[in-house]
Amino acid sequence: MKKLKNESALLKKALQIGESYAQNRGYHAFSATDSAKQKIECIYRLLVQDKLIAPLPQDKEDQPGMKHRLAMWIANKLPADHPLLK
């Protein structure tokens, strides 16, 4: 798995977009006590269920893989001239 440039910033952006996507899909808002791990897994599973991202193989389904997959998802959705992609 090749590390993306600005992967942590892309993941943060993916969580913001993913949270609003989840709320638009009818998911109740995340609470302040939800950990980042819970948010990452929930958003990842929602996007896989909606077929917006390809699922990881079951033996490779871990937090770093989910983070990377979310960062890749948002990197493909951002315009080419976005500052996070430079």
PDB file of N, CA and C in Angstrom:
ATOM      1  N   MET A   1       0.847  -1.163   0.000  1.00  0.00           N
ATOM      2  CA  MET A   1       0.000   0.000   0.000  1.00  0.00           C
ATOM      3  C   MET A   1       0.900   1.235   0.000  1.00  0.00           C
ATOM      4  N   LYS A   2       0.798   2.014  -1.054  1.00  0.00           N
ATOM      5  CA  LYS A   2       1.625   3.206  -1.218  1.00  0.00           C
ATOM      6  C   LYS A   2       1.018   4.368  -0.432  1.00  0.00           C
ATOM      7  N   LYS A   3       1.827   4.981   0.397  1.00  0.00           N
ATOM      8  CA  LYS A   3       1.373   6.111   1.209  1.00  0.00           C
ATOM      9  C   LYS A   3       1.133   7.320   0.308  1.00  0.00           C
ATOM     10  N   LEU A   4       0.006   7.976   0.521  1.00  0.00           N
ATOM     11  CA  LEU A   4      -0.333   9.181  -0.237  1.00  0.00           C
ATOM     12  C   LEU A   4       0.327  10.399   0.396  1.00  0.00           C
ATOM     13  N   LYS A   5       0.594  11.376  -0.430  1.00  0.00           N
ATOM     14  CA  LYS A   5       1.074  12.649   0.081  1.00  0.00           C
ATOM     15  C   LYS A   5      -0.100  13.304   0.812  1.00  0.00           C
ATOM     16  N   ASN A   6       0.128  13.852   1.988  1.00  0.00           N
ATOM     17  CA  ASN A   6      -0.911  14.491   2.809  1.00  0.00           C
ATOM     18  C   ASN A   6      -2.011  13.506   3.214  1.00  0.00           C
ATOM     19  N   GLU A   7      -1.653  12.234   3.445  1.00  0.00           N
ATOM     20  CA  GLU A   7      -2.682  11.229   3.738  1.00  0.00           C
ATOM     21  C   GLU A   7      -3.472  11.560   5.000  1.00  0.00           C
ATOM     22  N   SER A   8      -2.832  12.079   6.026  1.00  0.00           N
ATOM     23  CA  SER A   8      -3.549  12.390   7.258  1.00  0.00           C
ATOM     24  C   SER A   8      -4.545  13.535   7.039  1.00  0.00           C
ATOM     25  N   ALA A   9      -4.168  14.534   6.257  1.00  0.00           N
ATOM     26  CA  ALA A   9      -5.084  15.640   5.955  1.00  0.00           C
ATOM     27  C   ALA A   9      -6.225  15.159   5.057  1.00  0.00           C
ATOM     28  N   LEU A  10      -5.913  14.257   4.120  1.00  0.00           N
ATOM     29  CA  LEU A  10      -6.959  13.693   3.265  1.00  0.00           C
ATOM     30  C   LEU A  10      -7.940  12.855   4.085  1.00  0.00           C
ATOM     31  N   LEU A  11      -7.419  12.116   5.069  1.00  0.00           N
ATOM     32  CA  LEU A  11      -8.288  11.320   5.935  1.00  0.00           C
ATOM     33  C   LEU A  11      -9.207  12.227   6.738  1.00  0.00           C
ATOM     34  N   LYS A  12      -8.675  13.327   7.240  1.00  0.00           N
ATOM     35  CA  LYS A  12      -9.492  14.280   8.004  1.00  0.00           C
ATOM     36  C   LYS A  12     -10.621  14.831   7.131  1.00  0.00           C
ATOM     37  N   LYS A  13     -10.303  15.170   5.887  1.00  0.00           N
ATOM     38  CA  LYS A  13     -11.304  15.674   4.946  1.00  0.00           C
ATOM     39  C   LYS A  13     -12.329  14.578   4.630  1.00  0.00           C
ATOM     40  N   ALA A  14     -11.856  13.343   4.474  1.00  0.00           N
ATOM     41  CA  ALA A  14     -12.753  12.223   4.189  1.00  0.00           C
ATOM     42  C   ALA A  14     -13.726  11.989   5.345  1.00  0.00           C
ATOM     43  N   LEU A  15     -13.250  12.167   6.569  1.00  0.00           N
ATOM     44  CA  LEU A  15     -14.137  12.000   7.724  1.00  0.00           C
ATOM     45  C   LEU A  15     -15.204  13.095   7.757  1.00  0.00           C
ATOM     46  N   GLN A  16     -14.818  14.320   7.408  1.00  0.00           N
ATOM     47  CA  GLN A  16     -15.795  15.416   7.370  1.00  0.00           C
ATOM     48  C   GLN A  16     -16.862  15.144   6.317  1.00  0.00           C
ATOM     49  N   ILE A  17     -16.427  14.799   5.115  1.00  0.00           N
ATOM     50  CA  ILE A  17     -17.360  14.531   4.020  1.00  0.00           C
ATOM     51  C   ILE A  17     -18.179  13.278   4.328  1.00  0.00           C
ATOM     52  N   GLY A  18     -17.511  12.265   4.862  1.00  0.00           N
ATOM     53  CA  GLY A  18     -18.192  11.013   5.197  1.00  0.00           C
ATOM     54  C   GLY A  18     -19.254  11.193   6.261  1.00  0.00           C
ATOM     55  N   GLU A  19     -18.982  12.033   7.252  1.00  0.00           N
ATOM     56  CA  GLU A  19     -19.985  12.297   8.294  1.00  0.00           C
ATOM     57  C   GLU A  19     -21.229  12.950   7.710  1.00  0.00           C
ATOM     58  N   SER A  20     -21.033  13.944   6.861  1.00  0.00           N
ATOM     59  CA  SER A  20     -22.193  14.606   6.263  1.00  0.00           C
ATOM     60  C   SER A  20     -22.934  13.653   5.323  1.00  0.00           C
ATOM     61  N   TYR A  21     -22.192  12.790   4.611  1.00  0.00           N
ATOM     62  CA  TYR A  21     -22.831  11.787   3.743  1.00  0.00           C
ATOM     63  C   TYR A  21     -23.676  10.822   4.583  1.00  0.00           C
ATOM     64  N   ALA A  22     -23.130  10.389   5.716  1.00  0.00           N
ATOM     65  CA  ALA A  22     -23.852   9.463   6.587  1.00  0.00           C
ATOM     66  C   ALA A  22     -25.131  10.107   7.119  1.00  0.00           C
ATOM     67  N   GLN A  23     -25.047  11.363   7.496  1.00  0.00           N
ATOM     68  CA  GLN A  23     -26.231  12.059   8.009  1.00  0.00           C
ATOM     69  C   GLN A  23     -27.278  12.216   6.917  1.00  0.00           C
ATOM     70  N   ASN A  24     -26.862  12.496   5.687  1.00  0.00           N
ATOM     71  CA  ASN A  24     -27.800  12.610   4.576  1.00  0.00           C
ATOM     72  C   ASN A  24     -28.461  11.269   4.263  1.00  0.00           C
ATOM     73  N   ARG A  25     -27.770  10.175   4.587  1.00  0.00           N
ATOM     74  CA  ARG A  25     -28.320   8.840   4.358  1.00  0.00           C
ATOM     75  C   ARG A  25     -29.234   8.394   5.494  1.00  0.00           C
ATOM     76  N   GLY A  26     -29.359   9.228   6.544  1.00  0.00           N
ATOM     77  CA  GLY A  26     -30.266   8.913   7.635  1.00  0.00           C
ATOM     78  C   GLY A  26     -29.584   8.422   8.892  1.00  0.00           C
ATOM     79  N   TYR A  27     -28.273   8.330   8.885  1.00  0.00           N
ATOM     80  CA  TYR A  27     -27.543   7.911  10.076  1.00  0.00           C
ATOM     81  C   TYR A  27     -27.575   9.052  11.080  1.00  0.00           C
ATOM     82  N   HIS A  28     -27.803   8.723  12.347  1.00  0.00           N
ATOM     83  CA  HIS A  28     -27.811   9.793  13.350  1.00  0.00           C
ATOM     84  C   HIS A  28     -26.414  10.386  13.463  1.00  0.00           C
ATOM     85  N   ALA A  29     -26.329  11.585  13.919  1.00  0.00           N
ATOM     86  CA  ALA A  29     -25.041  12.276  13.997  1.00  0.00           C
ATOM     87  C   ALA A  29     -24.098  11.542  14.944  1.00  0.00           C
ATOM     88  N   PHE A  30     -22.813  11.610  14.642  1.00  0.00           N
ATOM     89  CA  PHE A  30     -21.818  11.029  15.538  1.00  0.00           C
ATOM     90  C   PHE A  30     -21.785  11.850  16.812  1.00  0.00           C
ATOM     91  N   SER A  31     -21.620  11.191  17.930  1.00  0.00           N
ATOM     92  CA  SER A  31     -21.548  11.935  19.186  1.00  0.00           C
ATOM     93  C   SER A  31     -20.102  12.328  19.459  1.00  0.00           C
ATOM     94  N   ALA A  32     -19.944  13.224  20.392  1.00  0.00           N
ATOM     95  CA  ALA A  32     -18.603  13.709  20.726  1.00  0.00           C
ATOM     96  C   ALA A  32     -17.767  12.616  21.381  1.00  0.00           C
ATOM     97  N   THR A  33     -18.419  11.591  21.910  1.00  0.00           N
ATOM     98  CA  THR A  33     -17.688  10.522  22.584  1.00  0.00           C
ATOM     99  C   THR A  33     -17.262   9.407  21.629  1.00  0.00           C
ATOM    100  N   ASP A  34     -17.709   9.457  20.375  1.00  0.00           N
ATOM    101  CA  ASP A  34     -17.286   8.450  19.399  1.00  0.00           C
ATOM    102  C   ASP A  34     -15.813   8.655  19.068  1.00  0.00           C
ATOM    103  N   SER A  35     -15.065   7.575  19.085  1.00  0.00           N
ATOM    104  CA  SER A  35     -13.641   7.679  18.771  1.00  0.00           C
ATOM    105  C   SER A  35     -13.431   7.774  17.266  1.00  0.00           C
ATOM    106  N   ALA A  36     -12.246   8.192  16.886  1.00  0.00           N
ATOM    107  CA  ALA A  36     -11.912   8.292  15.459  1.00  0.00           C
ATOM    108  C   ALA A  36     -11.962   6.908  14.816  1.00  0.00           C
ATOM    109  N   LYS A  37     -11.554   5.876  15.548  1.00  0.00           N
ATOM    110  CA  LYS A  37     -11.595   4.512  15.018  1.00  0.00           C
ATOM    111  C   LYS A  37     -13.020   4.098  14.681  1.00  0.00           C
ATOM    112  N   GLN A  38     -13.957   4.447  15.555  1.00  0.00           N
ATOM    113  CA  GLN A  38     -15.363   4.112  15.315  1.00  0.00           C
ATOM    114  C   GLN A  38     -15.895   4.852  14.087  1.00  0.00           C
ATOM    115  N   LYS A  39     -15.547   6.121  13.970  1.00  0.00           N
ATOM    116  CA  LYS A  39     -15.997   6.913  12.828  1.00  0.00           C
ATOM    117  C   LYS A  39     -15.435   6.363  11.529  1.00  0.00           C
ATOM    118  N   ILE A  40     -14.141   6.028  11.536  1.00  0.00           N
ATOM    119  CA  ILE A  40     -13.494   5.495  10.339  1.00  0.00           C
ATOM    120  C   ILE A  40     -14.170   4.208   9.905  1.00  0.00           C
ATOM    121  N   GLU A  41     -14.386   3.296  10.845  1.00  0.00           N
ATOM    122  CA  GLU A  41     -14.997   2.008  10.497  1.00  0.00           C
ATOM    123  C   GLU A  41     -16.431   2.179  10.016  1.00  0.00           C
ATOM    124  N   CYS A  42     -17.188   3.041  10.664  1.00  0.00           N
ATOM    125  CA  CYS A  42     -18.582   3.263  10.282  1.00  0.00           C
ATOM    126  C   CYS A  42     -18.680   3.864   8.876  1.00  0.00           C
ATOM    127  N   ILE A  43     -17.887   4.879   8.612  1.00  0.00           N
ATOM    128  CA  ILE A  43     -17.922   5.530   7.294  1.00  0.00           C
ATOM    129  C   ILE A  43     -17.420   4.574   6.224  1.00  0.00           C
ATOM    130  N   TYR A  44     -16.364   3.835   6.529  1.00  0.00           N
ATOM    131  CA  TYR A  44     -15.845   2.848   5.574  1.00  0.00           C
ATOM    132  C   TYR A  44     -16.929   1.830   5.217  1.00  0.00           C
ATOM    133  N   ARG A  45     -17.584   1.266   6.218  1.00  0.00           N
ATOM    134  CA  ARG A  45     -18.600   0.237   5.967  1.00  0.00           C
ATOM    135  C   ARG A  45     -19.807   0.812   5.213  1.00  0.00           C
ATOM    136  N   LEU A  46     -20.178   2.051   5.493  1.00  0.00           N
ATOM    137  CA  LEU A  46     -21.279   2.683   4.772  1.00  0.00           C
ATOM    138  C   LEU A  46     -20.924   2.873   3.298  1.00  0.00           C
ATOM    139  N   LEU A  47     -19.718   3.338   3.027  1.00  0.00           N
ATOM    140  CA  LEU A  47     -19.293   3.556   1.639  1.00  0.00           C
ATOM    141  C   LEU A  47     -19.158   2.235   0.876  1.00  0.00           C
ATOM    142  N   VAL A  48     -18.724   1.184   1.573  1.00  0.00           N
ATOM    143  CA  VAL A  48     -18.644  -0.132   0.936  1.00  0.00           C
ATOM    144  C   VAL A  48     -20.054  -0.641   0.635  1.00  0.00           C
ATOM    145  N   GLN A  49     -20.957  -0.475   1.590  1.00  0.00           N
ATOM    146  CA  GLN A  49     -22.341  -0.923   1.404  1.00  0.00           C
ATOM    147  C   GLN A  49     -23.003  -0.208   0.230  1.00  0.00           C
ATOM    148  N   ASP A  50     -22.715   1.088   0.078  1.00  0.00           N
ATOM    149  CA  ASP A  50     -23.292   1.868  -1.022  1.00  0.00           C
ATOM    150  C   ASP A  50     -22.497   1.722  -2.316  1.00  0.00           C
ATOM    151  N   LYS A  51     -21.463   0.891  -2.282  1.00  0.00           N
ATOM    152  CA  LYS A  51     -20.626   0.599  -3.450  1.00  0.00           C
ATOM    153  C   LYS A  51     -19.924   1.842  -4.004  1.00  0.00           C
ATOM    154  N   LEU A  52     -19.520   2.729  -3.093  1.00  0.00           N
ATOM    155  CA  LEU A  52     -18.760   3.910  -3.485  1.00  0.00           C
ATOM    156  C   LEU A  52     -17.256   3.642  -3.424  1.00  0.00           C
ATOM    157  N   ILE A  53     -16.866   2.654  -2.625  1.00  0.00           N
ATOM    158  CA  ILE A  53     -15.480   2.208  -2.589  1.00  0.00           C
ATOM    159  C   ILE A  53     -15.472   0.687  -2.603  1.00  0.00           C
ATOM    160  N   ALA A  54     -14.383   0.141  -3.089  1.00  0.00           N
ATOM    161  CA  ALA A  54     -14.238  -1.319  -3.118  1.00  0.00           C
ATOM    162  C   ALA A  54     -13.823  -1.801  -1.728  1.00  0.00           C
ATOM    163  N   PRO A  55     -14.382  -2.909  -1.281  1.00  0.00           N
ATOM    164  CA  PRO A  55     -14.009  -3.414   0.047  1.00  0.00           C
ATOM    165  C   PRO A  55     -12.602  -3.994   0.064  1.00  0.00           C
ATOM    166  N   LEU A  56     -11.994  -3.925   1.212  1.00  0.00           N
ATOM    167  CA  LEU A  56     -10.701  -4.569   1.416  1.00  0.00           C
ATOM    168  C   LEU A  56     -10.929  -6.076   1.560  1.00  0.00           C
ATOM    169  N   PRO A  57      -9.950  -6.890   1.217  1.00  0.00           N
ATOM    170  CA  PRO A  57     -10.090  -8.324   1.496  1.00  0.00           C
ATOM    171  C   PRO A  57     -10.261  -8.529   3.004  1.00  0.00           C
ATOM    172  N   GLN A  58     -11.036  -9.519   3.410  1.00  0.00           N
ATOM    173  CA  GLN A  58     -11.351  -9.682   4.830  1.00  0.00           C
ATOM    174  C   GLN A  58     -10.123  -9.876   5.705  1.00  0.00           C
ATOM    175  N   ASP A  59      -9.100 -10.537   5.194  1.00  0.00           N
ATOM    176  CA  ASP A  59      -7.900 -10.740   6.005  1.00  0.00           C
ATOM    177  C   ASP A  59      -7.050  -9.477   6.115  1.00  0.00           C
ATOM    178  N   LYS A  60      -7.314  -8.475   5.302  1.00  0.00           N
ATOM    179  CA  LYS A  60      -6.563  -7.213   5.326  1.00  0.00           C
ATOM    180  C   LYS A  60      -7.410  -6.052   5.849  1.00  0.00           C
ATOM    181  N   GLU A  61      -8.578  -6.348   6.377  1.00  0.00           N
ATOM    182  CA  GLU A  61      -9.485  -5.302   6.853  1.00  0.00           C
ATOM    183  C   GLU A  61      -9.056  -4.864   8.248  1.00  0.00           C
ATOM    184  N   ASP A  62      -8.233  -3.809   8.296  1.00  0.00           N
ATOM    185  CA  ASP A  62      -7.755  -3.266   9.552  1.00  0.00           C
ATOM    186  C   ASP A  62      -7.800  -1.742   9.496  1.00  0.00           C
ATOM    187  N   GLN A  63      -7.480  -1.089  10.593  1.00  0.00           N
ATOM    188  CA  GLN A  63      -7.575   0.371  10.655  1.00  0.00           C
ATOM    189  C   GLN A  63      -6.684   1.077   9.628  1.00  0.00           C
ATOM    190  N   PRO A  64      -5.409   0.698   9.490  1.00  0.00           N
ATOM    191  CA  PRO A  64      -4.581   1.384   8.482  1.00  0.00           C
ATOM    192  C   PRO A  64      -5.134   1.212   7.066  1.00  0.00           C
ATOM    193  N   GLY A  65      -5.655   0.039   6.761  1.00  0.00           N
ATOM    194  CA  GLY A  65      -6.226  -0.195   5.437  1.00  0.00           C
ATOM    195  C   GLY A  65      -7.468   0.641   5.201  1.00  0.00           C
ATOM    196  N   MET A  66      -8.329   0.730   6.231  1.00  0.00           N
ATOM    197  CA  MET A  66      -9.549   1.540   6.110  1.00  0.00           C
ATOM    198  C   MET A  66      -9.198   3.014   5.958  1.00  0.00           C
ATOM    199  N   LYS A  67      -8.222   3.480   6.724  1.00  0.00           N
ATOM    200  CA  LYS A  67      -7.793   4.875   6.625  1.00  0.00           C
ATOM    201  C   LYS A  67      -7.283   5.178   5.221  1.00  0.00           C
ATOM    202  N   HIS A  68      -6.457   4.276   4.704  1.00  0.00           N
ATOM    203  CA  HIS A  68      -5.900   4.476   3.371  1.00  0.00           C
ATOM    204  C   HIS A  68      -7.001   4.472   2.316  1.00  0.00           C
ATOM    205  N   ARG A  69      -7.949   3.564   2.446  1.00  0.00           N
ATOM    206  CA  ARG A  69      -9.031   3.475   1.465  1.00  0.00           C
ATOM    207  C   ARG A  69      -9.884   4.742   1.489  1.00  0.00           C
ATOM    208  N   LEU A  70     -10.152   5.299   2.678  1.00  0.00           N
ATOM    209  CA  LEU A  70     -10.910   6.548   2.773  1.00  0.00           C
ATOM    210  C   LEU A  70     -10.124   7.722   2.187  1.00  0.00           C
ATOM    211  N   ALA A  71      -8.818   7.749   2.439  1.00  0.00           N
ATOM    212  CA  ALA A  71      -7.983   8.821   1.879  1.00  0.00           C
ATOM    213  C   ALA A  71      -7.964   8.729   0.350  1.00  0.00           C
ATOM    214  N   MET A  72      -7.887   7.523  -0.184  1.00  0.00           N
ATOM    215  CA  MET A  72      -7.912   7.337  -1.638  1.00  0.00           C
ATOM    216  C   MET A  72      -9.264   7.776  -2.208  1.00  0.00           C
ATOM    217  N   TRP A  73     -10.339   7.459  -1.508  1.00  0.00           N
ATOM    218  CA  TRP A  73     -11.691   7.823  -1.955  1.00  0.00           C
ATOM    219  C   TRP A  73     -11.813   9.333  -2.093  1.00  0.00           C
ATOM    220  N   ILE A  74     -11.392  10.058  -1.071  1.00  0.00           N
ATOM    221  CA  ILE A  74     -11.554  11.512  -1.108  1.00  0.00           C
ATOM    222  C   ILE A  74     -10.564  12.132  -2.096  1.00  0.00           C
ATOM    223  N   ALA A  75      -9.389  11.547  -2.248  1.00  0.00           N
ATOM    224  CA  ALA A  75      -8.419  12.079  -3.219  1.00  0.00           C
ATOM    225  C   ALA A  75      -8.975  11.982  -4.631  1.00  0.00           C
ATOM    226  N   ASN A  76      -9.747  10.939  -4.920  1.00  0.00           N
ATOM    227  CA  ASN A  76     -10.341  10.790  -6.248  1.00  0.00           C
ATOM    228  C   ASN A  76     -11.546  11.705  -6.447  1.00  0.00           C
ATOM    229  N   LYS A  77     -12.160  12.165  -5.357  1.00  0.00           N
ATOM    230  CA  LYS A  77     -13.333  13.037  -5.456  1.00  0.00           C
ATOM    231  C   LYS A  77     -12.981  14.515  -5.513  1.00  0.00           C
ATOM    232  N   LEU A  78     -11.806  14.879  -5.024  1.00  0.00           N
ATOM    233  CA  LEU A  78     -11.421  16.295  -5.012  1.00  0.00           C
ATOM    234  C   LEU A  78     -10.994  16.748  -6.403  1.00  0.00           C
ATOM    235  N   PRO A  79     -11.191  18.036  -6.710  1.00  0.00           N
ATOM    236  CA  PRO A  79     -10.709  18.545  -8.002  1.00  0.00           C
ATOM    237  C   PRO A  79      -9.187  18.474  -8.075  1.00  0.00           C
ATOM    238  N   ALA A  80      -8.659  18.384  -9.273  1.00  0.00           N
ATOM    239  CA  ALA A  80      -7.213  18.192  -9.465  1.00  0.00           C
ATOM    240  C   ALA A  80      -6.374  19.334  -8.888  1.00  0.00           C
ATOM    241  N   ASP A  81      -6.931  20.535  -8.822  1.00  0.00           N
ATOM    242  CA  ASP A  81      -6.152  21.669  -8.324  1.00  0.00           C
ATOM    243  C   ASP A  81      -6.349  21.926  -6.820  1.00  0.00           C
ATOM    244  N   HIS A  82      -6.948  20.990  -6.103  1.00  0.00           N
ATOM    245  CA  HIS A  82      -7.174  21.146  -4.662  1.00  0.00           C
ATOM    246  C   HIS A  82      -5.827  21.143  -3.926  1.00  0.00           C
ATOM    247  N   PRO A  83      -5.660  22.015  -2.914  1.00  0.00           N
ATOM    248  CA  PRO A  83      -4.386  22.104  -2.210  1.00  0.00           C
ATOM    249  C   PRO A  83      -3.920  20.808  -1.541  1.00  0.00           C
ATOM    250  N   LEU A  84      -4.847  19.944  -1.126  1.00  0.00           N
ATOM    251  CA  LEU A  84      -4.446  18.704  -0.485  1.00  0.00           C
ATOM    252  C   LEU A  84      -3.790  17.719  -1.448  1.00  0.00           C
ATOM    253  N   LEU A  85      -3.996  17.902  -2.725  1.00  0.00           N
ATOM    254  CA  LEU A  85      -3.434  16.989  -3.715  1.00  0.00           C
ATOM    255  C   LEU A  85      -2.077  17.428  -4.241  1.00  0.00           C
ATOM    256  N   LYS A  86      -1.592  18.565  -3.765  1.00  0.00           N
ATOM    257  CA  LYS A  86      -0.312  19.099  -4.244  1.00  0.00           C
ATOM    258  C   LYS A  86       0.811  18.730  -3.329  1.00  0.00           C
TER     259      LYS A  86
END
